[in-house]
């Protein structure tokens, strides 16, 4: 058997295993897909330096890159299995069996696990080994001479049979995924309709004419849901219908609560504009967005449960068992405005942003507060060694207050500006403190105050711009923000880990 045919047999066998495993997982529990389980294990076990490299290099596409790399690795191992079995089948079978054990272990040690989840990797392993033996048998049987040096019959037979098997598995898997996604979109549509009829204690203002300068290069004040940044560890977006959602409130409380989605949406709702920022956002980065979030004040739920005054942490978990700890003192501040959010910009939360329910806490980075797909909140203490947040375990700091920062959006770096005056514009943020001033300087000269947009809330960003008359040539502009506490953004550069990046943003441009 030629090397090409042998490698192809191995590759098609592992592809069949992946397709069948994904199909069975779709029928039982999507998180039990061996491919997704292995990818999830990589996320949990990867050193923090590698995680940050992925975020900084690939941005919000990091999960697609990870899945692609995982699939490529599986494909390579399949080719190796095929090449090892050119003469005897056992070496390839053992490689595939080892891959099956790896997939099963990834599912078994996943944060969310039930015994039924082992069905998908087990069936995948059997399908892969079965496909391998079958395709190898076809290749050997049809290897008779057709032309000198050519094994066209075996090649055609192997490719046709293998491609058909893989194709059917992929189509079936995609079909199941489409049905599940449609169910969630139907649930979202129902929630959006319910929001239109809901009772509101507080609505976000719709008068925001001077809240942004998009014509000068800043973002719009509100970020479209489709453009809102997404950073999380979920390789598969959870598909939980609102009717199936429940929230358990327990721990150091006087009364344990179990809330349904109907319980939440039946309460008086509030709508608040909130700017969220990712702790991984580098200086000048784009991992910041603003939306009108709709939800129930989280403080009201905690008061209803009767939180023990000794509890200093709210430990929250998602349906995918991601977890974090939020300072209880922040959540209990009457003016903080933390939400159990169910809506975003006038509609139900998009699945990728936490549908049906997520936490939103103004002034804190999401890694300590923004639990998506939240299903469990527990009043506890930070010193509990068994209640340490996902990112806290990986070297990030405990409390996560958002730093006062600014960004330059115009002109863009390395741009040539043909004009008598140059408009330097951008955004600044200091959530729950508020921006008081933004200053700009060029080429290390004196600081000049920028014009600020209207303040909609201290929990949202503010846009700014300044007009500068500059001579022709190369220039560098820097910006710094001062918040309402009097603190001015530091020039000391720091990486995002452990508690957020710092430093002045700068752009270099040419006036022509």
Protein backbone atom coordinates (compact mmCIF):
# COMPACT_ATOMS: atom_id res chain seq x y z
CA UNK A 1 0.00 0.00 0.00
CA UNK A 2 1.39 3.39 -0.97
CA UNK A 3 2.21 6.02 1.64
CA UNK A 4 -0.42 8.33 0.20
CA UNK A 5 -3.23 5.79 0.46
CA UNK A 6 -2.13 4.65 3.93
CA UNK A 7 -2.05 8.22 5.25
CA UNK A 8 -5.42 8.97 3.64
CA UNK A 9 -6.98 5.94 5.34
CA UNK A 10 -5.77 7.14 8.74
CA UNK A 11 -6.97 10.70 8.15
CA UNK A 12 -10.42 9.61 6.98
CA UNK A 13 -10.74 7.27 9.96
CA UNK A 14 -10.10 10.02 12.51
CA UNK A 15 -12.38 12.40 10.61
CA UNK A 16 -15.11 9.78 10.79
CA UNK A 17 -14.46 9.46 14.54
CA UNK A 18 -14.70 13.22 15.03
CA UNK A 19 -17.92 13.43 13.00
CA UNK A 20 -19.60 10.52 14.78
CA UNK A 21 -18.44 11.76 18.19
CA UNK A 22 -19.81 15.23 17.49
CA UNK A 23 -23.10 13.75 16.29
CA UNK A 24 -23.58 11.57 19.38
CA UNK A 25 -22.60 14.49 21.63
CA UNK A 26 -25.24 16.62 19.93
CA UNK A 27 -27.85 14.04 20.89
CA UNK A 28 -26.64 13.67 24.50
CA UNK A 29 -24.58 16.64 25.65
CA UNK A 30 -22.75 18.92 23.24
CA UNK A 31 -19.91 19.42 25.72
CA UNK A 32 -19.13 15.68 25.52
CA UNK A 33 -17.85 16.05 21.96
CA UNK A 34 -14.27 14.68 22.10
CA UNK A 35 -13.02 17.51 19.87
CA UNK A 36 -14.51 20.19 22.12
CA UNK A 37 -13.44 18.35 25.28
CA UNK A 38 -9.81 18.17 24.14
CA UNK A 39 -9.91 21.86 23.20
CA UNK A 40 -11.38 22.70 26.60
CA UNK A 41 -8.62 20.74 28.32
CA UNK A 42 -6.04 22.76 26.40
CA UNK A 43 -7.66 25.99 27.66
CA UNK A 44 -7.65 24.80 31.27
CA UNK A 45 -4.12 23.38 31.26
CA UNK A 46 -2.29 25.86 29.02
CA UNK A 47 0.21 28.16 30.78
CA UNK A 48 -1.00 31.73 31.16
CA UNK A 49 1.70 33.02 28.80
CA UNK A 50 0.30 30.84 26.00
CA UNK A 51 -3.27 31.95 26.75
CA UNK A 52 -2.28 35.62 26.56
CA UNK A 53 -0.34 34.99 23.35
CA UNK A 54 -3.49 33.53 21.82
CA UNK A 55 -5.65 36.48 22.90
CA UNK A 56 -3.15 39.10 21.79
CA UNK A 57 -2.34 37.43 18.47
CA UNK A 58 -5.75 36.18 17.37
CA UNK A 59 -8.11 38.35 19.43
CA UNK A 60 -11.70 37.12 19.45
CA UNK A 61 -10.77 34.43 16.90
CA UNK A 62 -8.59 32.61 19.42
CA UNK A 63 -11.13 29.82 19.96
CA UNK A 64 -11.46 29.17 16.23
CA UNK A 65 -7.68 28.99 15.97
CA UNK A 66 -7.54 26.58 18.92
CA UNK A 67 -10.19 24.31 17.41
CA UNK A 68 -8.40 24.44 14.07
CA UNK A 69 -5.10 23.55 15.69
CA UNK A 70 -6.73 20.71 17.66
CA UNK A 71 -8.35 19.33 14.52
CA UNK A 72 -5.06 19.64 12.62
CA UNK A 73 -3.27 17.73 15.37
CA UNK A 74 -5.88 14.97 15.25
CA UNK A 75 -5.54 14.84 11.47
CA UNK A 76 -1.77 14.52 11.73
CA UNK A 77 -2.08 11.67 14.23
CA UNK A 78 -4.50 9.97 11.88
CA UNK A 79 -1.97 10.17 9.06
CA UNK A 80 0.68 8.70 11.38
CA UNK A 81 -1.68 5.86 12.28
CA UNK A 82 -2.18 5.08 8.63
CA UNK A 83 1.51 5.17 7.78
CA UNK A 84 2.34 2.85 10.68
CA UNK A 85 -0.10 0.28 9.32
CA UNK A 86 1.09 -0.10 5.76
CA UNK A 87 2.13 -3.69 6.51
CA UNK A 88 0.18 -4.62 9.66
CA UNK A 89 -3.07 -3.10 11.03
CA UNK A 90 -2.26 -3.23 14.74
CA UNK A 91 0.06 -0.18 15.03
CA UNK A 92 -2.58 2.12 13.56
CA UNK A 93 -5.33 0.60 15.67
CA UNK A 94 -3.28 1.20 18.81
CA UNK A 95 -2.72 4.84 17.84
CA UNK A 96 -6.45 5.32 17.29
CA UNK A 97 -7.21 3.55 20.57
CA UNK A 98 -4.80 5.87 22.39
CA UNK A 99 -6.53 8.86 20.81
CA UNK A 100 -9.84 7.43 22.01
CA UNK A 101 -8.49 7.17 25.56
CA UNK A 102 -7.30 10.77 25.36
CA UNK A 103 -10.71 11.97 24.18
CA UNK A 104 -12.47 9.97 26.88
CA UNK A 105 -10.16 11.38 29.57
CA UNK A 106 -10.82 14.92 28.33
CA UNK A 107 -14.56 14.35 28.65
CA UNK A 108 -14.24 12.60 32.04
CA UNK A 109 -12.14 15.38 33.59
CA UNK A 110 -14.20 18.22 32.11
CA UNK A 111 -15.74 20.60 34.68
CA UNK A 112 -19.25 19.47 33.73
CA UNK A 113 -19.52 15.69 33.55
CA UNK A 114 -22.06 12.88 33.79
CA UNK A 115 -21.58 9.18 33.12
CA UNK A 116 -23.71 9.47 29.98
CA UNK A 117 -21.13 11.88 28.54
CA UNK A 118 -18.72 8.96 28.07
CA UNK A 119 -20.94 7.55 25.34
CA UNK A 120 -19.79 10.09 22.74
CA UNK A 121 -16.01 9.49 23.03
CA UNK A 122 -16.53 5.71 23.30
CA UNK A 123 -18.67 5.59 20.16
CA UNK A 124 -16.22 7.92 18.41
CA UNK A 125 -13.29 5.61 19.20
CA UNK A 126 -15.17 2.54 17.99
CA UNK A 127 -16.25 4.36 14.84
CA UNK A 128 -12.70 5.49 14.12
CA UNK A 129 -11.20 2.03 14.62
CA UNK A 130 -14.00 0.41 12.63
CA UNK A 131 -13.61 2.88 9.77
CA UNK A 132 -9.85 2.37 9.81
CA UNK A 133 -10.11 -1.41 9.56
CA UNK A 134 -12.80 -1.21 6.87
CA UNK A 135 -10.98 1.34 4.72
CA UNK A 136 -7.70 -0.56 5.07
CA UNK A 137 -9.45 -3.76 4.00
CA UNK A 138 -10.88 -2.00 0.93
CA UNK A 139 -7.49 -0.63 0.05
CA UNK A 140 -5.75 -4.00 0.30
CA UNK A 141 -8.47 -5.88 -1.57
CA UNK A 142 -8.56 -3.45 -4.46
CA UNK A 143 -4.81 -3.11 -4.73
CA UNK A 144 -4.56 -5.32 -7.81
CA UNK A 145 -2.41 -3.99 -10.65
CA UNK A 146 -4.13 -1.45 -12.87
CA UNK A 147 -1.12 0.20 -14.42
CA UNK A 148 2.52 0.17 -13.60
CA UNK A 149 3.14 2.00 -10.33
CA UNK A 150 -0.54 3.01 -9.98
CA UNK A 151 -3.05 1.92 -7.37
CA UNK A 152 -5.95 3.95 -8.74
CA UNK A 153 -8.70 1.43 -7.89
CA UNK A 154 -7.77 1.32 -4.21
CA UNK A 155 -7.35 5.06 -4.11
CA UNK A 156 -10.76 5.69 -5.66
CA UNK A 157 -12.42 3.06 -3.46
CA UNK A 158 -10.85 4.38 -0.29
CA UNK A 159 -11.59 8.01 -1.01
CA UNK A 160 -15.16 7.35 -2.16
CA UNK A 161 -16.10 5.12 0.77
CA UNK A 162 -14.30 7.21 3.36
CA UNK A 163 -15.59 10.51 2.05
CA UNK A 164 -19.15 9.17 2.04
CA UNK A 165 -18.85 8.03 5.66
CA UNK A 166 -17.32 11.29 6.82
CA UNK A 167 -19.75 13.36 4.80
CA UNK A 168 -22.80 11.61 6.23
CA UNK A 169 -21.47 12.02 9.76
CA UNK A 170 -20.73 15.70 9.23
CA UNK A 171 -24.15 16.35 7.68
CA UNK A 172 -25.93 14.57 10.52
CA UNK A 173 -23.90 16.49 13.10
CA UNK A 174 -24.59 19.80 11.38
CA UNK A 175 -28.30 18.94 11.24
CA UNK A 176 -28.48 18.30 14.97
CA UNK A 177 -26.58 21.52 15.66
CA UNK A 178 -28.95 23.50 13.46
CA UNK A 179 -32.01 22.14 15.28
CA UNK A 180 -30.50 23.00 18.68
CA UNK A 181 -29.54 26.50 17.53
CA UNK A 182 -33.03 27.05 16.12
CA UNK A 183 -34.57 26.10 19.47
CA UNK A 184 -32.46 28.72 21.26
CA UNK A 185 -33.25 31.39 18.68
CA UNK A 186 -36.93 30.64 19.18
CA UNK A 187 -36.48 31.09 22.92
CA UNK A 188 -34.64 34.37 22.31
CA UNK A 189 -37.48 35.63 20.14
CA UNK A 190 -39.95 34.86 22.92
CA UNK A 191 -37.82 36.71 25.48
CA UNK A 192 -37.47 39.74 23.18
CA UNK A 193 -41.26 39.85 22.85
CA UNK A 194 -41.63 39.58 26.63
CA UNK A 195 -39.20 42.47 27.14
CA UNK A 196 -41.41 44.67 24.98
CA UNK A 197 -44.30 44.05 27.41
CA UNK A 198 -42.29 44.07 30.65
CA UNK A 199 -42.58 46.56 33.49
CA UNK A 200 -39.55 48.84 33.93
CA UNK A 201 -38.47 50.75 37.01
CA UNK A 202 -35.77 52.52 35.02
CA UNK A 203 -35.17 53.06 31.30
CA UNK A 204 -31.98 54.24 29.60
CA UNK A 205 -32.21 57.67 28.05
CA UNK A 206 -32.62 57.75 24.28
CA UNK A 207 -31.30 61.34 23.97
CA UNK A 208 -27.60 60.87 23.19
CA UNK A 209 -26.92 63.24 20.34
CA UNK A 210 -23.63 64.57 21.74
CA UNK A 211 -22.42 61.33 23.34
CA UNK A 212 -20.06 60.41 20.49
CA UNK A 213 -18.18 61.84 17.53
CA UNK A 214 -18.26 59.00 14.98
CA UNK A 215 -17.75 61.48 12.15
CA UNK A 216 -14.36 62.27 13.71
CA UNK A 217 -13.32 58.64 14.11
CA UNK A 218 -14.68 57.61 17.51
CA UNK A 219 -17.03 54.64 17.96
CA UNK A 220 -20.74 55.19 18.28
CA UNK A 221 -21.89 55.47 21.89
CA UNK A 222 -23.68 52.11 21.84
CA UNK A 223 -21.97 49.07 20.36
CA UNK A 224 -24.10 46.87 18.13
CA UNK A 225 -24.63 43.42 19.59
CA UNK A 226 -22.87 41.88 16.59
CA UNK A 227 -19.81 44.09 17.21
CA UNK A 228 -19.65 43.75 21.00
CA UNK A 229 -16.34 42.18 21.98
CA UNK A 230 -16.42 38.56 23.12
CA UNK A 231 -13.81 36.99 25.38
CA UNK A 232 -14.58 33.77 27.25
CA UNK A 233 -13.39 30.17 27.50
CA UNK A 234 -16.39 28.51 25.82
CA UNK A 235 -15.44 26.59 22.68
CA UNK A 236 -19.13 25.84 22.17
CA UNK A 237 -21.71 28.51 22.90
CA UNK A 238 -24.13 27.03 25.46
CA UNK A 239 -27.63 26.44 24.12
CA UNK A 240 -29.91 26.79 27.13
CA UNK A 241 -33.50 27.86 26.52
CA UNK A 242 -34.99 30.42 28.88
CA UNK A 243 -37.72 27.98 29.95
CA UNK A 244 -35.05 25.51 31.11
CA UNK A 245 -32.94 28.04 33.01
CA UNK A 246 -32.74 28.15 36.80
CA UNK A 247 -30.55 30.11 39.21
CA UNK A 248 -29.58 28.67 42.56
CA UNK A 249 -28.76 31.23 45.28
CA UNK A 250 -27.13 29.56 48.28
CA UNK A 251 -24.16 29.48 50.64
CA UNK A 252 -23.92 31.95 53.49
CA UNK A 253 -27.53 33.12 53.19
CA UNK A 254 -30.56 33.02 55.45
CA UNK A 255 -32.82 31.70 52.70
CA UNK A 256 -31.76 29.62 49.71
CA UNK A 257 -33.51 30.64 46.50
CA UNK A 258 -34.18 28.90 43.22
CA UNK A 259 -35.28 31.33 40.52
CA UNK A 260 -36.73 30.53 37.11
CA UNK A 261 -36.51 32.82 34.11
CA UNK A 262 -40.21 33.61 34.56
CA UNK A 263 -39.39 34.75 38.11
CA UNK A 264 -36.79 37.18 36.77
CA UNK A 265 -38.66 38.67 33.85
CA UNK A 266 -41.78 38.98 35.98
CA UNK A 267 -40.00 41.43 38.29
CA UNK A 268 -39.74 45.16 37.58
CA UNK A 269 -36.74 45.57 35.28
CA UNK A 270 -34.10 48.24 34.88
CA UNK A 271 -32.25 49.30 31.74
CA UNK A 272 -28.81 50.84 32.15
CA UNK A 273 -26.02 51.81 29.75
CA UNK A 274 -22.83 50.06 30.86
CA UNK A 275 -19.38 49.97 29.31
CA UNK A 276 -17.64 46.62 29.73
CA UNK A 277 -13.88 46.20 29.45
CA UNK A 278 -11.80 43.04 29.23
CA UNK A 279 -8.80 42.78 31.54
CA UNK A 280 -6.82 41.43 28.56
CA UNK A 281 -7.29 44.70 26.67
CA UNK A 282 -3.84 46.10 25.84
CA UNK A 283 -3.08 49.82 25.78
CA UNK A 284 -4.94 51.16 22.76
CA UNK A 285 -6.90 47.90 22.41
CA UNK A 286 -10.45 47.31 21.22
CA UNK A 287 -11.75 44.93 23.92
CA UNK A 288 -14.23 47.48 25.24
CA UNK A 289 -17.89 47.98 24.28
CA UNK A 290 -21.06 49.65 25.54
CA UNK A 291 -24.64 48.41 25.59
CA UNK A 292 -27.98 49.15 27.20
CA UNK A 293 -28.31 46.15 29.51
CA UNK A 294 -31.73 45.09 30.78
CA UNK A 295 -32.11 43.06 33.92
CA UNK A 296 -32.88 42.72 37.59
CA UNK A 297 -30.71 44.42 40.24
CA UNK A 298 -28.50 41.69 41.68
CA UNK A 299 -28.46 43.48 45.04
CA UNK A 300 -32.22 42.92 45.35
CA UNK A 301 -31.77 39.16 44.91
CA UNK A 302 -29.00 39.08 47.51
CA UNK A 303 -31.09 41.08 49.99
CA UNK A 304 -33.98 38.70 49.42
CA UNK A 305 -31.72 35.74 50.19
CA UNK A 306 -30.34 37.45 53.31
CA UNK A 307 -26.58 37.36 52.81
CA UNK A 308 -24.52 36.78 55.94
CA UNK A 309 -22.50 39.94 56.73
CA UNK A 310 -19.39 37.74 57.03
CA UNK A 311 -19.63 36.71 53.36
CA UNK A 312 -17.16 38.80 51.34
CA UNK A 313 -17.40 36.95 48.00
CA UNK A 314 -20.15 35.99 45.58
CA UNK A 315 -18.95 32.89 43.77
CA UNK A 316 -20.77 32.42 40.47
CA UNK A 317 -20.80 29.54 38.00
CA UNK A 318 -21.97 29.18 34.42
CA UNK A 319 -23.80 26.26 32.86
CA UNK A 320 -20.39 25.28 31.41
CA UNK A 321 -18.94 25.45 34.96
CA UNK A 322 -16.78 28.50 34.39
CA UNK A 323 -16.51 30.25 37.73
CA UNK A 324 -15.35 33.47 39.35
CA UNK A 325 -15.53 35.41 42.59
CA UNK A 326 -16.90 38.96 42.92
CA UNK A 327 -16.40 41.22 45.95
CA UNK A 328 -19.67 41.17 47.90
CA UNK A 329 -19.08 44.73 49.12
CA UNK A 330 -19.22 45.98 45.53
CA UNK A 331 -22.41 44.09 44.74
CA UNK A 332 -24.15 45.41 47.85
CA UNK A 333 -23.42 49.08 47.08
CA UNK A 334 -26.85 50.70 46.53
CA UNK A 335 -25.58 52.82 43.62
CA UNK A 336 -23.37 50.20 41.94
CA UNK A 337 -26.09 48.92 39.64
CA UNK A 338 -24.95 45.30 39.26
CA UNK A 339 -27.40 43.31 37.16
CA UNK A 340 -28.60 39.85 36.41
CA UNK A 341 -28.95 40.86 32.77
CA UNK A 342 -31.49 39.28 30.42
CA UNK A 343 -31.47 41.85 27.63
CA UNK A 344 -29.01 43.86 25.58
CA UNK A 345 -29.77 46.84 23.34
CA UNK A 346 -33.50 46.23 23.34
CA UNK A 347 -33.51 42.48 22.74
CA UNK A 348 -32.73 39.25 24.53
CA UNK A 349 -29.06 38.57 25.17
CA UNK A 350 -27.34 37.00 22.16
CA UNK A 351 -26.23 33.40 22.89
CA UNK A 352 -22.55 34.37 22.68
CA UNK A 353 -23.10 37.08 25.29
CA UNK A 354 -24.77 34.91 27.89
CA UNK A 355 -28.35 34.07 26.90
CA UNK A 356 -30.50 33.61 28.82
CA UNK A 357 -28.90 35.33 31.87
CA UNK A 358 -25.52 36.81 32.70
CA UNK A 359 -23.97 39.03 35.36
CA UNK A 360 -22.92 42.60 34.60
CA UNK A 361 -21.13 44.69 37.25
CA UNK A 362 -20.11 48.28 36.38
CA UNK A 363 -16.54 49.14 37.29
CA UNK A 364 -15.14 45.60 37.45
CA UNK A 365 -13.36 43.68 34.73
CA UNK A 366 -15.43 40.80 33.42
CA UNK A 367 -13.03 38.12 34.67
CA UNK A 368 -14.20 38.79 38.25
CA UNK A 369 -17.81 39.72 37.55
CA UNK A 370 -19.21 39.04 34.08
CA UNK A 371 -20.31 35.41 34.35
CA UNK A 372 -22.22 34.45 31.21
CA UNK A 373 -24.85 31.69 31.21
CA UNK A 374 -24.92 32.01 35.00
CA UNK A 375 -26.83 29.26 36.86
CA UNK A 376 -25.38 29.31 40.38
CA UNK A 377 -24.36 32.05 42.82
CA UNK A 378 -22.98 31.28 46.26
CA UNK A 379 -22.27 33.65 49.14
CA UNK A 380 -18.91 32.64 50.58
CA UNK A 381 -15.50 34.04 51.57
CA UNK A 382 -12.37 34.69 49.54
CA UNK A 383 -10.23 32.69 51.95
CA UNK A 384 -12.14 29.49 51.07
CA UNK A 385 -9.50 27.50 49.11
CA UNK A 386 -12.24 25.68 47.18
CA UNK A 387 -13.84 28.90 45.94
CA UNK A 388 -11.09 30.55 43.92
CA UNK A 389 -11.98 32.10 40.56
CA UNK A 390 -10.90 30.54 37.26
CA UNK A 391 -8.49 33.37 36.44
CA UNK A 392 -7.42 33.87 40.06
CA UNK A 393 -6.10 30.31 39.93
CA UNK A 394 -4.05 31.34 36.90
CA UNK A 395 -2.26 34.30 38.43
CA UNK A 396 -4.67 37.20 37.94
CA UNK A 397 -5.54 39.50 40.82
CA UNK A 398 -8.52 39.05 43.11
CA UNK A 399 -10.68 42.17 42.85
CA UNK A 400 -10.33 43.50 39.29
CA UNK A 401 -11.37 47.20 39.38
CA UNK A 402 -11.21 48.73 35.90
CA UNK A 403 -8.32 51.15 35.45
CA UNK A 404 -8.73 54.72 34.22
CA UNK A 405 -7.64 54.59 30.58
CA UNK A 406 -7.91 56.30 27.21
CA UNK A 407 -7.47 55.31 23.58
CA UNK A 408 -6.65 57.19 20.38
CA UNK A 409 -8.86 56.21 17.43
CA UNK A 410 -7.93 58.94 14.95
CA UNK A 411 -5.61 59.39 13.23
CA UNK A 412 -4.67 55.75 12.91
CA UNK A 413 -1.09 54.65 13.40
CA UNK A 414 1.16 55.24 10.36
CA UNK A 415 -1.55 57.30 8.61
CA UNK A 416 -0.77 60.28 6.39
CA UNK A 417 -3.06 63.26 7.03
CA UNK A 418 -3.53 65.85 4.29
CA UNK A 419 -5.07 68.83 6.09
CA UNK A 420 -4.26 72.18 7.66
CA UNK A 421 -5.43 70.91 11.04
CA UNK A 422 -5.32 67.40 12.44
CA UNK A 423 -8.19 65.95 14.46
CA UNK A 424 -7.03 63.65 17.24
CA UNK A 425 -10.00 61.75 18.67
CA UNK A 426 -10.69 58.75 20.85
CA UNK A 427 -12.40 57.38 23.93
CA UNK A 428 -11.73 57.34 27.67
CA UNK A 429 -13.22 55.30 30.49
CA UNK A 430 -13.24 55.05 34.28
CA UNK A 431 -16.36 53.04 34.99
CA UNK A 432 -18.26 53.94 38.14
CA UNK A 433 -15.93 56.88 38.76
CA UNK A 434 -16.41 58.90 35.59
CA UNK A 435 -14.08 60.80 33.27
CA UNK A 436 -13.34 64.43 34.16
CA UNK A 437 -10.71 65.37 31.57
CA UNK A 438 -8.69 64.08 28.63
CA UNK A 439 -5.47 65.72 27.49
CA UNK A 440 -3.39 65.28 24.34
CA UNK A 441 0.19 66.18 23.56
CA UNK A 442 2.21 65.92 20.37
CA UNK A 443 5.91 65.13 20.13
CA UNK A 444 6.39 65.43 23.89
CA UNK A 445 5.10 69.02 23.99
CA UNK A 446 2.65 70.60 26.43
CA UNK A 447 -0.60 68.86 27.27
CA UNK A 448 -3.72 70.33 25.67
CA UNK A 449 -7.28 69.70 26.91
CA UNK A 450 -9.62 67.83 24.60
CA UNK A 451 -13.32 68.44 24.14
CA UNK A 452 -15.40 65.75 25.85
CA UNK A 453 -18.70 64.27 24.73
CA UNK A 454 -21.73 64.51 26.97
CA UNK A 455 -21.63 62.21 29.97
CA UNK A 456 -24.47 59.70 29.80
CA UNK A 457 -23.39 57.83 32.94
CA UNK A 458 -20.29 57.43 35.07
CA UNK A 459 -20.52 53.76 34.10
CA UNK A 460 -19.93 54.45 30.40
CA UNK A 461 -17.12 55.65 28.21
CA UNK A 462 -16.76 59.22 26.97
CA UNK A 463 -15.54 60.32 23.56
CA UNK A 464 -13.09 63.16 23.07
CA UNK A 465 -11.39 65.14 20.31
CA UNK A 466 -8.99 68.04 19.80
CA UNK A 467 -8.04 70.05 16.71
CA UNK A 468 -4.30 70.65 16.24
CA UNK A 469 -2.40 72.80 13.75
CA UNK A 470 0.76 70.85 13.01
CA UNK A 471 3.63 71.39 10.56
CA UNK A 472 4.25 68.90 7.79
CA UNK A 473 6.29 65.89 8.79
CA UNK A 474 6.19 62.97 11.20
CA UNK A 475 4.48 63.33 14.58
CA UNK A 476 3.54 61.25 17.62
CA UNK A 477 0.42 61.98 19.68
CA UNK A 478 -0.20 60.73 23.22
CA UNK A 479 -3.30 60.93 25.41
CA UNK A 480 -4.10 60.64 29.09
CA UNK A 481 -7.35 60.70 31.05
CA UNK A 482 -8.17 62.04 34.50
CA UNK A 483 -11.15 60.61 36.37
CA UNK A 484 -13.51 62.35 38.77
CA UNK A 485 -11.53 61.18 41.79
CA UNK A 486 -8.60 63.27 40.53
CA UNK A 487 -6.51 60.29 39.44
CA UNK A 488 -4.61 60.75 36.16
CA UNK A 489 -3.82 57.80 33.93
CA UNK A 490 -0.25 56.68 34.56
CA UNK A 491 2.45 56.66 31.91
CA UNK A 492 3.95 53.49 33.41
CA UNK A 493 3.46 50.66 30.94
CA UNK A 494 2.12 47.37 32.35
CA UNK A 495 0.94 44.19 30.67
CA UNK A 496 -2.66 43.02 31.19
CA UNK A 497 -1.69 40.31 33.69
CA UNK A 498 -2.29 40.43 36.65
CA UNK A 499 -4.77 43.35 36.91
CA UNK A 500 -5.04 45.13 33.56
CA UNK A 501 -2.77 47.06 31.21
CA UNK A 502 -1.66 50.62 31.89
CA UNK A 503 0.22 53.36 30.07
CA UNK A 504 -0.47 56.24 27.70
CA UNK A 505 -1.76 55.36 24.23
CA UNK A 506 0.19 56.82 21.33
CA UNK A 507 -0.02 56.95 17.54
CA UNK A 508 2.55 58.03 14.98
CA UNK A 509 1.36 59.74 11.81
CA UNK A 510 2.52 62.03 9.04
CA UNK A 511 1.14 65.43 8.06
CA UNK A 512 1.51 65.81 4.29
